[in-house]
Amino acid sequence: MNRIVVPAGARRTISLESASREKREIRIGKGAELRLFEVQNLGNTGHKLHIKVRLAKGAKLQWRIATLGSARSESEREIILAGRGAEVEVAEAVLGRQAQEFFSNYSLTHQAPGTKSRLLLKAALCGSSKLEARAIARIMPGAKESNAFLEERALLLSPQASCEAVPSLEIENNEVKCSHAASVTRMDSEQLFYLQSRGLGLREARETLAMGFLAEALKTANSEWLQRAEKLARARWTCCGVERG
């Protein structure tokens, strides 16, 4: 197991490349801040990931994830907001192609008062790829005045692509603010027509819409990571069986 420890009061920025099988534990100390940037760009192999994160009082985590590779990806991310005022913001972009399968599970547990969490997962799915995305925010009895929001959105780029998005809440305290949202949509033919009328081919128009859809999840102040994530995504681009690379 790999372990990352951010000591009290420290500020760290870490970039990670996923391996095929791995377990990680991350501890963020009192008042510490961690900016975590993760890329999963494996080849035609399996991927199993389990990460457990614990935030102390006043700790903050900003987490950006680009999930692009592997034939079958199974990820489980467990986040515990253990200290008063801890905050976490997670955004993941998934690009599925060919027959890729993604199984994503998030668990965000608010144990202390005044904690905040936001999860955004956006997926663009081509070919016969599929995504099962499940996320749960748990508000424990002692976590009054906590705030949690879960959002899962998928854009299907071919008739064979599929997605099941299931955000859920478990609330054991009535002095909180919690909500969730989910949607699975297909590419807008009017938007495609407009882009083609501006001189783009069908493949380029689809790619433009897909990358624009994922942009919210990729958005970050770390320009180097963003450029790498976008470059890898475009290199892997497949739309309805059309390869680009």
C-alpha atoms as a PDB file:
ATOM      1  CA  MET A   1       0.000   0.000   0.000  1.00  0.00           C
ATOM      2  CA  ASN A   2       1.225   3.486  -0.887  1.00  0.00           C
ATOM      3  CA  ARG A   3       0.760   6.164   1.776  1.00  0.00           C
ATOM      4  CA  ILE A   4       0.708   9.930   1.401  1.00  0.00           C
ATOM      5  CA  VAL A   5       0.807  12.101   4.529  1.00  0.00           C
ATOM      6  CA  VAL A   6       0.417  15.873   4.434  1.00  0.00           C
ATOM      7  CA  PRO A   7       1.463  17.237   7.858  1.00  0.00           C
ATOM      8  CA  ALA A   8      -0.494  19.870   9.746  1.00  0.00           C
ATOM      9  CA  GLY A   9      -0.389  23.291   8.158  1.00  0.00           C
ATOM     10  CA  ALA A  10       1.449  22.105   5.028  1.00  0.00           C
ATOM     11  CA  ARG A  11       0.504  22.674   1.384  1.00  0.00           C
ATOM     12  CA  ARG A  12       1.279  20.045  -1.216  1.00  0.00           C
ATOM     13  CA  THR A  13       0.655  19.469  -4.931  1.00  0.00           C
ATOM     14  CA  ILE A  14       1.000  15.857  -6.141  1.00  0.00           C
ATOM     15  CA  SER A  15       0.550  14.276  -9.579  1.00  0.00           C
ATOM     16  CA  LEU A  16      -0.048  10.526  -9.877  1.00  0.00           C
ATOM     17  CA  GLU A  17      -0.042   7.972 -12.709  1.00  0.00           C
ATOM     18  CA  SER A  18      -2.232   4.952 -12.025  1.00  0.00           C
ATOM     19  CA  ALA A  19      -0.851   1.422 -12.082  1.00  0.00           C
ATOM     20  CA  SER A  20      -2.928  -1.665 -12.929  1.00  0.00           C
ATOM     21  CA  ARG A  21      -3.492  -2.611  -9.277  1.00  0.00           C
ATOM     22  CA  GLU A  22      -2.944  -0.358  -6.326  1.00  0.00           C
ATOM     23  CA  LYS A  23      -4.069   0.694  -2.872  1.00  0.00           C
ATOM     24  CA  ARG A  24      -3.393   4.093  -1.417  1.00  0.00           C
ATOM     25  CA  GLU A  25      -3.983   5.810   1.869  1.00  0.00           C
ATOM     26  CA  ILE A  26      -3.920   9.606   2.113  1.00  0.00           C
ATOM     27  CA  ARG A  27      -3.957  11.551   5.383  1.00  0.00           C
ATOM     28  CA  ILE A  28      -4.271  15.331   5.389  1.00  0.00           C
ATOM     29  CA  GLY A  29      -3.381  16.938   8.693  1.00  0.00           C
ATOM     30  CA  LYS A  30      -4.963  19.808  10.596  1.00  0.00           C
ATOM     31  CA  GLY A  31      -5.209  22.921   8.444  1.00  0.00           C
ATOM     32  CA  ALA A  32      -3.249  21.281   5.610  1.00  0.00           C
ATOM     33  CA  GLU A  33      -4.072  21.575   1.906  1.00  0.00           C
ATOM     34  CA  LEU A  34      -3.526  19.002  -0.847  1.00  0.00           C
ATOM     35  CA  ARG A  35      -3.984  19.458  -4.586  1.00  0.00           C
ATOM     36  CA  LEU A  36      -4.022  15.994  -6.135  1.00  0.00           C
ATOM     37  CA  PHE A  37      -3.896  15.346  -9.893  1.00  0.00           C
ATOM     38  CA  GLU A  38      -4.394  11.805 -11.172  1.00  0.00           C
ATOM     39  CA  VAL A  39      -4.246  10.241 -14.650  1.00  0.00           C
ATOM     40  CA  GLN A  40      -5.268   6.682 -15.533  1.00  0.00           C
ATOM     41  CA  ASN A  41      -4.009   6.012 -19.056  1.00  0.00           C
ATOM     42  CA  LEU A  42      -3.344   2.272 -19.068  1.00  0.00           C
ATOM     43  CA  GLY A  43      -3.425   0.082 -22.151  1.00  0.00           C
ATOM     44  CA  ASN A  44      -5.608  -2.951 -22.830  1.00  0.00           C
ATOM     45  CA  THR A  45      -5.433  -4.295 -19.302  1.00  0.00           C
ATOM     46  CA  GLY A  46      -7.418  -4.388 -16.079  1.00  0.00           C
ATOM     47  CA  HIS A  47      -7.315  -1.629 -13.492  1.00  0.00           C
ATOM     48  CA  LYS A  48      -8.244  -1.942  -9.814  1.00  0.00           C
ATOM     49  CA  LEU A  49      -7.868   1.007  -7.501  1.00  0.00           C
ATOM     50  CA  HIS A  50      -8.763   1.609  -3.876  1.00  0.00           C
ATOM     51  CA  ILE A  51      -7.964   4.939  -2.225  1.00  0.00           C
ATOM     52  CA  LYS A  52      -8.855   5.948   1.331  1.00  0.00           C
ATOM     53  CA  VAL A  53      -8.550   9.608   2.280  1.00  0.00           C
ATOM     54  CA  ARG A  54      -8.900  11.104   5.769  1.00  0.00           C
ATOM     55  CA  LEU A  55      -9.089  14.840   6.402  1.00  0.00           C
ATOM     56  CA  ALA A  56      -8.410  16.387   9.817  1.00  0.00           C
ATOM     57  CA  LYS A  57      -9.804  19.650  11.190  1.00  0.00           C
ATOM     58  CA  GLY A  58      -9.719  22.456   8.632  1.00  0.00           C
ATOM     59  CA  ALA A  59      -7.986  20.299   5.995  1.00  0.00           C
ATOM     60  CA  LYS A  60      -8.720  20.855   2.303  1.00  0.00           C
ATOM     61  CA  LEU A  61      -8.453  18.551  -0.715  1.00  0.00           C
ATOM     62  CA  GLN A  62      -8.785  19.500  -4.373  1.00  0.00           C
ATOM     63  CA  TRP A  63      -8.715  16.344  -6.538  1.00  0.00           C
ATOM     64  CA  ARG A  64      -8.747  16.135 -10.333  1.00  0.00           C
ATOM     65  CA  ILE A  65      -8.901  12.790 -12.143  1.00  0.00           C
ATOM     66  CA  ALA A  66      -8.640  11.884 -15.841  1.00  0.00           C
ATOM     67  CA  THR A  67      -9.754   8.288 -16.460  1.00  0.00           C
ATOM     68  CA  LEU A  68      -8.901   7.323 -20.023  1.00  0.00           C
ATOM     69  CA  GLY A  69      -7.412   3.841 -20.302  1.00  0.00           C
ATOM     70  CA  SER A  70      -7.714   0.125 -19.472  1.00  0.00           C
ATOM     71  CA  ALA A  71     -10.123  -2.458 -20.831  1.00  0.00           C
ATOM     72  CA  ARG A  72     -11.896  -2.729 -17.472  1.00  0.00           C
ATOM     73  CA  SER A  73     -11.470  -0.191 -14.701  1.00  0.00           C
ATOM     74  CA  GLU A  74     -12.730  -0.660 -11.149  1.00  0.00           C
ATOM     75  CA  SER A  75     -12.139   2.221  -8.754  1.00  0.00           C
ATOM     76  CA  GLU A  76     -13.203   2.797  -5.171  1.00  0.00           C
ATOM     77  CA  ARG A  77     -12.504   6.095  -3.463  1.00  0.00           C
ATOM     78  CA  GLU A  78     -13.388   6.468   0.204  1.00  0.00           C
ATOM     79  CA  ILE A  79     -13.194   9.980   1.664  1.00  0.00           C
ATOM     80  CA  ILE A  80     -13.677  10.667   5.382  1.00  0.00           C
ATOM     81  CA  LEU A  81     -14.126  14.245   6.571  1.00  0.00           C
ATOM     82  CA  ALA A  82     -13.129  13.582  10.157  1.00  0.00           C
ATOM     83  CA  GLY A  83     -12.334  17.091  11.435  1.00  0.00           C
ATOM     84  CA  ARG A  84     -14.488  20.184  11.836  1.00  0.00           C
ATOM     85  CA  GLY A  85     -14.492  22.407   8.771  1.00  0.00           C
ATOM     86  CA  ALA A  86     -12.748  19.907   6.458  1.00  0.00           C
ATOM     87  CA  GLU A  87     -13.461  20.430   2.735  1.00  0.00           C
ATOM     88  CA  VAL A  88     -13.087  18.247  -0.362  1.00  0.00           C
ATOM     89  CA  GLU A  89     -13.737  18.948  -4.027  1.00  0.00           C
ATOM     90  CA  VAL A  90     -13.408  16.049  -6.490  1.00  0.00           C
ATOM     91  CA  ALA A  91     -13.858  16.212 -10.261  1.00  0.00           C
ATOM     92  CA  GLU A  92     -13.362  13.217 -12.577  1.00  0.00           C
ATOM     93  CA  ALA A  93     -13.485  13.102 -16.378  1.00  0.00           C
ATOM     94  CA  VAL A  94     -14.025   9.697 -18.025  1.00  0.00           C
ATOM     95  CA  LEU A  95     -13.512   9.052 -21.744  1.00  0.00           C
ATOM     96  CA  GLY A  96     -14.746   5.620 -22.809  1.00  0.00           C
ATOM     97  CA  ARG A  97     -14.050   4.071 -26.198  1.00  0.00           C
ATOM     98  CA  GLN A  98     -14.513   0.779 -28.000  1.00  0.00           C
ATOM     99  CA  ALA A  99     -15.635  -1.842 -25.423  1.00  0.00           C
ATOM    100  CA  GLN A 100     -14.106  -0.269 -22.306  1.00  0.00           C
ATOM    101  CA  GLU A 101     -15.898  -0.818 -18.997  1.00  0.00           C
ATOM    102  CA  PHE A 102     -15.743   1.551 -16.018  1.00  0.00           C
ATOM    103  CA  PHE A 103     -17.039   0.841 -12.520  1.00  0.00           C
ATOM    104  CA  SER A 104     -16.708   3.885 -10.264  1.00  0.00           C
ATOM    105  CA  ASN A 105     -17.599   4.040  -6.580  1.00  0.00           C
ATOM    106  CA  TYR A 106     -17.296   7.079  -4.326  1.00  0.00           C
ATOM    107  CA  SER A 107     -18.028   7.225  -0.610  1.00  0.00           C
ATOM    108  CA  LEU A 108     -17.919  10.579   1.190  1.00  0.00           C
ATOM    109  CA  THR A 109     -18.515  10.432   4.936  1.00  0.00           C
ATOM    110  CA  HIS A 110     -19.071  13.610   6.952  1.00  0.00           C
ATOM    111  CA  GLN A 111     -18.170  12.868  10.560  1.00  0.00           C
ATOM    112  CA  ALA A 112     -17.617  16.397  11.921  1.00  0.00           C
ATOM    113  CA  PRO A 113     -19.585  19.671  11.926  1.00  0.00           C
ATOM    114  CA  GLY A 114     -19.227  22.268   9.192  1.00  0.00           C
ATOM    115  CA  THR A 115     -17.662  19.905   6.639  1.00  0.00           C
ATOM    116  CA  LYS A 116     -18.144  20.369   2.888  1.00  0.00           C
ATOM    117  CA  SER A 117     -17.918  18.005  -0.075  1.00  0.00           C
ATOM    118  CA  ARG A 118     -18.543  18.332  -3.787  1.00  0.00           C
ATOM    119  CA  LEU A 119     -18.227  15.534  -6.338  1.00  0.00           C
ATOM    120  CA  LEU A 120     -18.492  16.042 -10.101  1.00  0.00           C
ATOM    121  CA  LEU A 121     -18.153  13.093 -12.498  1.00  0.00           C
ATOM    122  CA  LYS A 122     -18.533  13.657 -16.232  1.00  0.00           C
ATOM    123  CA  ALA A 123     -18.195  10.915 -18.843  1.00  0.00           C
ATOM    124  CA  ALA A 124     -18.148  10.921 -22.641  1.00  0.00           C
ATOM    125  CA  LEU A 125     -18.730   7.393 -23.929  1.00  0.00           C
ATOM    126  CA  CYS A 126     -18.046   6.153 -27.468  1.00  0.00           C
ATOM    127  CA  GLY A 127     -18.322   2.772 -29.195  1.00  0.00           C
ATOM    128  CA  SER A 128     -19.844   0.134 -26.904  1.00  0.00           C
ATOM    129  CA  SER A 129     -18.174   1.469 -23.754  1.00  0.00           C
ATOM    130  CA  LYS A 130     -20.143   1.562 -20.529  1.00  0.00           C
ATOM    131  CA  LEU A 131     -19.967   3.216 -17.126  1.00  0.00           C
ATOM    132  CA  GLU A 132     -21.526   2.288 -13.801  1.00  0.00           C
ATOM    133  CA  ALA A 133     -21.097   5.277 -11.488  1.00  0.00           C
ATOM    134  CA  ARG A 134     -22.199   5.102  -7.875  1.00  0.00           C
ATOM    135  CA  ALA A 135     -21.614   7.744  -5.236  1.00  0.00           C
ATOM    136  CA  ILE A 136     -22.900   8.154  -1.711  1.00  0.00           C
ATOM    137  CA  ALA A 137     -22.610  11.015   0.750  1.00  0.00           C
ATOM    138  CA  ARG A 138     -23.152  10.062   4.386  1.00  0.00           C
ATOM    139  CA  ILE A 139     -23.918  12.721   6.974  1.00  0.00           C
ATOM    140  CA  MET A 140     -23.315  11.317  10.445  1.00  0.00           C
ATOM    141  CA  PRO A 141     -25.257  12.403  13.559  1.00  0.00           C
ATOM    142  CA  GLY A 142     -22.459  14.685  14.784  1.00  0.00           C
ATOM    143  CA  ALA A 143     -21.922  16.431  11.430  1.00  0.00           C
ATOM    144  CA  LYS A 144     -24.406  19.293  11.718  1.00  0.00           C
ATOM    145  CA  GLU A 145     -24.127  22.259   9.342  1.00  0.00           C
ATOM    146  CA  SER A 146     -22.419  20.058   6.757  1.00  0.00           C
ATOM    147  CA  ASN A 147     -22.840  20.606   3.007  1.00  0.00           C
ATOM    148  CA  ALA A 148     -22.677  17.861   0.355  1.00  0.00           C
ATOM    149  CA  PHE A 149     -23.400  17.833  -3.379  1.00  0.00           C
ATOM    150  CA  LEU A 150     -23.038  14.880  -5.778  1.00  0.00           C
ATOM    151  CA  GLU A 151     -23.279  15.330  -9.545  1.00  0.00           C
ATOM    152  CA  GLU A 152     -22.900  12.639 -12.237  1.00  0.00           C
ATOM    153  CA  ARG A 153     -23.358  13.440 -15.942  1.00  0.00           C
ATOM    154  CA  ALA A 154     -22.799  11.262 -19.004  1.00  0.00           C
ATOM    155  CA  LEU A 155     -22.836  12.018 -22.736  1.00  0.00           C
ATOM    156  CA  LEU A 156     -23.435   9.004 -25.008  1.00  0.00           C
ATOM    157  CA  LEU A 157     -21.732   9.365 -28.370  1.00  0.00           C
ATOM    158  CA  SER A 158     -22.988   6.172 -29.981  1.00  0.00           C
ATOM    159  CA  PRO A 159     -26.137   3.997 -29.799  1.00  0.00           C
ATOM    160  CA  GLN A 160     -24.193   1.165 -28.132  1.00  0.00           C
ATOM    161  CA  ALA A 161     -22.695   3.228 -25.314  1.00  0.00           C
ATOM    162  CA  SER A 162     -24.422   3.055 -21.918  1.00  0.00           C
ATOM    163  CA  CYS A 163     -24.282   4.565 -18.456  1.00  0.00           C
ATOM    164  CA  GLU A 164     -25.908   3.959 -15.091  1.00  0.00           C
ATOM    165  CA  ALA A 165     -25.450   6.909 -12.725  1.00  0.00           C
ATOM    166  CA  VAL A 166     -26.636   6.440  -9.130  1.00  0.00           C
ATOM    167  CA  PRO A 167     -25.857   9.223  -6.630  1.00  0.00           C
ATOM    168  CA  SER A 168     -27.393   8.746  -3.169  1.00  0.00           C
ATOM    169  CA  LEU A 169     -27.542  10.356   0.273  1.00  0.00           C
ATOM    170  CA  GLU A 170     -27.669   8.977   3.809  1.00  0.00           C
ATOM    171  CA  ILE A 171     -28.537  11.766   6.232  1.00  0.00           C
ATOM    172  CA  GLU A 172     -28.610  11.320  10.004  1.00  0.00           C
ATOM    173  CA  ASN A 173     -28.754  14.999  10.916  1.00  0.00           C
ATOM    174  CA  ASN A 174     -31.421  17.532   9.981  1.00  0.00           C
ATOM    175  CA  GLU A 175     -29.168  20.615  10.228  1.00  0.00           C
ATOM    176  CA  VAL A 176     -27.434  20.036   6.878  1.00  0.00           C
ATOM    177  CA  LYS A 177     -27.591  20.981   3.195  1.00  0.00           C
ATOM    178  CA  CYS A 178     -27.375  18.021   0.815  1.00  0.00           C
ATOM    179  CA  SER A 179     -28.399  17.398  -2.800  1.00  0.00           C
ATOM    180  CA  HIS A 180     -27.530  15.304  -5.833  1.00  0.00           C
ATOM    181  CA  ALA A 181     -28.057  15.327  -9.595  1.00  0.00           C
ATOM    182  CA  ALA A 182     -27.610  12.854 -12.441  1.00  0.00           C
ATOM    183  CA  SER A 183     -28.241  12.796 -16.171  1.00  0.00           C
ATOM    184  CA  VAL A 184     -27.507  10.596 -19.184  1.00  0.00           C
ATOM    185  CA  THR A 185     -27.954  12.292 -22.556  1.00  0.00           C
ATOM    186  CA  ARG A 186     -27.128  11.726 -26.202  1.00  0.00           C
ATOM    187  CA  MET A 187     -25.299  14.094 -28.505  1.00  0.00           C
ATOM    188  CA  ASP A 188     -27.419  16.964 -29.777  1.00  0.00           C
ATOM    189  CA  SER A 189     -27.941  16.697 -33.548  1.00  0.00           C
ATOM    190  CA  GLU A 190     -28.559  20.453 -33.849  1.00  0.00           C
ATOM    191  CA  GLN A 191     -25.225  21.215 -32.216  1.00  0.00           C
ATOM    192  CA  LEU A 192     -23.516  18.765 -34.563  1.00  0.00           C
ATOM    193  CA  PHE A 193     -25.196  20.391 -37.568  1.00  0.00           C
ATOM    194  CA  TYR A 194     -24.099  23.831 -36.410  1.00  0.00           C
ATOM    195  CA  LEU A 195     -20.460  22.825 -36.021  1.00  0.00           C
ATOM    196  CA  GLN A 196     -20.480  21.092 -39.406  1.00  0.00           C
ATOM    197  CA  SER A 197     -21.966  24.233 -40.951  1.00  0.00           C
ATOM    198  CA  ARG A 198     -18.923  26.085 -39.586  1.00  0.00           C
ATOM    199  CA  GLY A 199     -16.572  23.810 -41.527  1.00  0.00           C
ATOM    200  CA  LEU A 200     -15.886  20.896 -39.159  1.00  0.00           C
ATOM    201  CA  GLY A 201     -16.157  17.296 -40.301  1.00  0.00           C
ATOM    202  CA  LEU A 202     -18.453  14.921 -38.426  1.00  0.00           C
ATOM    203  CA  ARG A 203     -15.613  13.348 -36.411  1.00  0.00           C
ATOM    204  CA  GLU A 204     -14.134  16.729 -35.491  1.00  0.00           C
ATOM    205  CA  ALA A 205     -17.570  18.088 -34.534  1.00  0.00           C
ATOM    206  CA  ARG A 206     -18.226  15.132 -32.232  1.00  0.00           C
ATOM    207  CA  GLU A 207     -14.813  15.478 -30.656  1.00  0.00           C
ATOM    208  CA  THR A 208     -15.348  19.193 -30.063  1.00  0.00           C
ATOM    209  CA  LEU A 209     -18.665  18.572 -28.303  1.00  0.00           C
ATOM    210  CA  ALA A 210     -17.271  15.723 -26.211  1.00  0.00           C
ATOM    211  CA  MET A 211     -14.195  17.637 -25.056  1.00  0.00           C
ATOM    212  CA  GLY A 212     -16.362  20.654 -24.293  1.00  0.00           C
ATOM    213  CA  PHE A 213     -18.632  18.440 -22.194  1.00  0.00           C
ATOM    214  CA  LEU A 214     -15.672  17.102 -20.197  1.00  0.00           C
ATOM    215  CA  ALA A 215     -14.073  20.531 -19.765  1.00  0.00           C
ATOM    216  CA  GLU A 216     -15.848  21.324 -16.483  1.00  0.00           C
ATOM    217  CA  ALA A 217     -14.367  18.236 -14.818  1.00  0.00           C
ATOM    218  CA  LEU A 218     -10.895  18.871 -16.244  1.00  0.00           C
ATOM    219  CA  LYS A 219     -10.838  22.543 -15.280  1.00  0.00           C
ATOM    220  CA  THR A 220      -7.973  23.314 -12.926  1.00  0.00           C
ATOM    221  CA  ALA A 221      -5.366  25.918 -12.142  1.00  0.00           C
ATOM    222  CA  ASN A 222      -2.640  23.349 -12.898  1.00  0.00           C
ATOM    223  CA  SER A 223      -2.083  24.104 -16.594  1.00  0.00           C
ATOM    224  CA  GLU A 224       0.610  21.426 -17.035  1.00  0.00           C
ATOM    225  CA  TRP A 225      -1.714  18.637 -15.828  1.00  0.00           C
ATOM    226  CA  LEU A 226      -4.605  20.002 -17.889  1.00  0.00           C
ATOM    227  CA  GLN A 227      -2.540  20.065 -21.075  1.00  0.00           C
ATOM    228  CA  ARG A 228      -1.377  16.497 -20.485  1.00  0.00           C
ATOM    229  CA  ALA A 229      -4.901  15.231 -19.739  1.00  0.00           C
ATOM    230  CA  GLU A 230      -6.338  16.904 -22.846  1.00  0.00           C
ATOM    231  CA  LYS A 231      -3.490  15.628 -25.035  1.00  0.00           C
ATOM    232  CA  LEU A 232      -3.981  12.043 -23.829  1.00  0.00           C
ATOM    233  CA  ALA A 233      -7.755  12.273 -24.266  1.00  0.00           C
ATOM    234  CA  ARG A 234      -7.470  13.496 -27.840  1.00  0.00           C
ATOM    235  CA  ALA A 235      -4.882  10.822 -28.644  1.00  0.00           C
ATOM    236  CA  ARG A 236      -7.310   8.144 -27.473  1.00  0.00           C
ATOM    237  CA  TRP A 237     -10.297   9.693 -29.178  1.00  0.00           C
ATOM    238  CA  THR A 238     -12.706   7.197 -30.695  1.00  0.00           C
ATOM    239  CA  CYS A 239     -16.202   8.085 -31.745  1.00  0.00           C
ATOM    240  CA  CYS A 240     -18.587   5.326 -32.820  1.00  0.00           C
ATOM    241  CA  GLY A 241     -15.684   3.092 -33.811  1.00  0.00           C
ATOM    242  CA  VAL A 242     -13.649   5.777 -35.616  1.00  0.00           C
ATOM    243  CA  GLU A 243     -10.112   5.797 -34.270  1.00  0.00           C
ATOM    244  CA  ARG A 244      -8.021   8.880 -33.952  1.00  0.00           C
ATOM    245  CA  GLY A 245      -4.491   8.777 -32.661  1.00  0.00           C
END
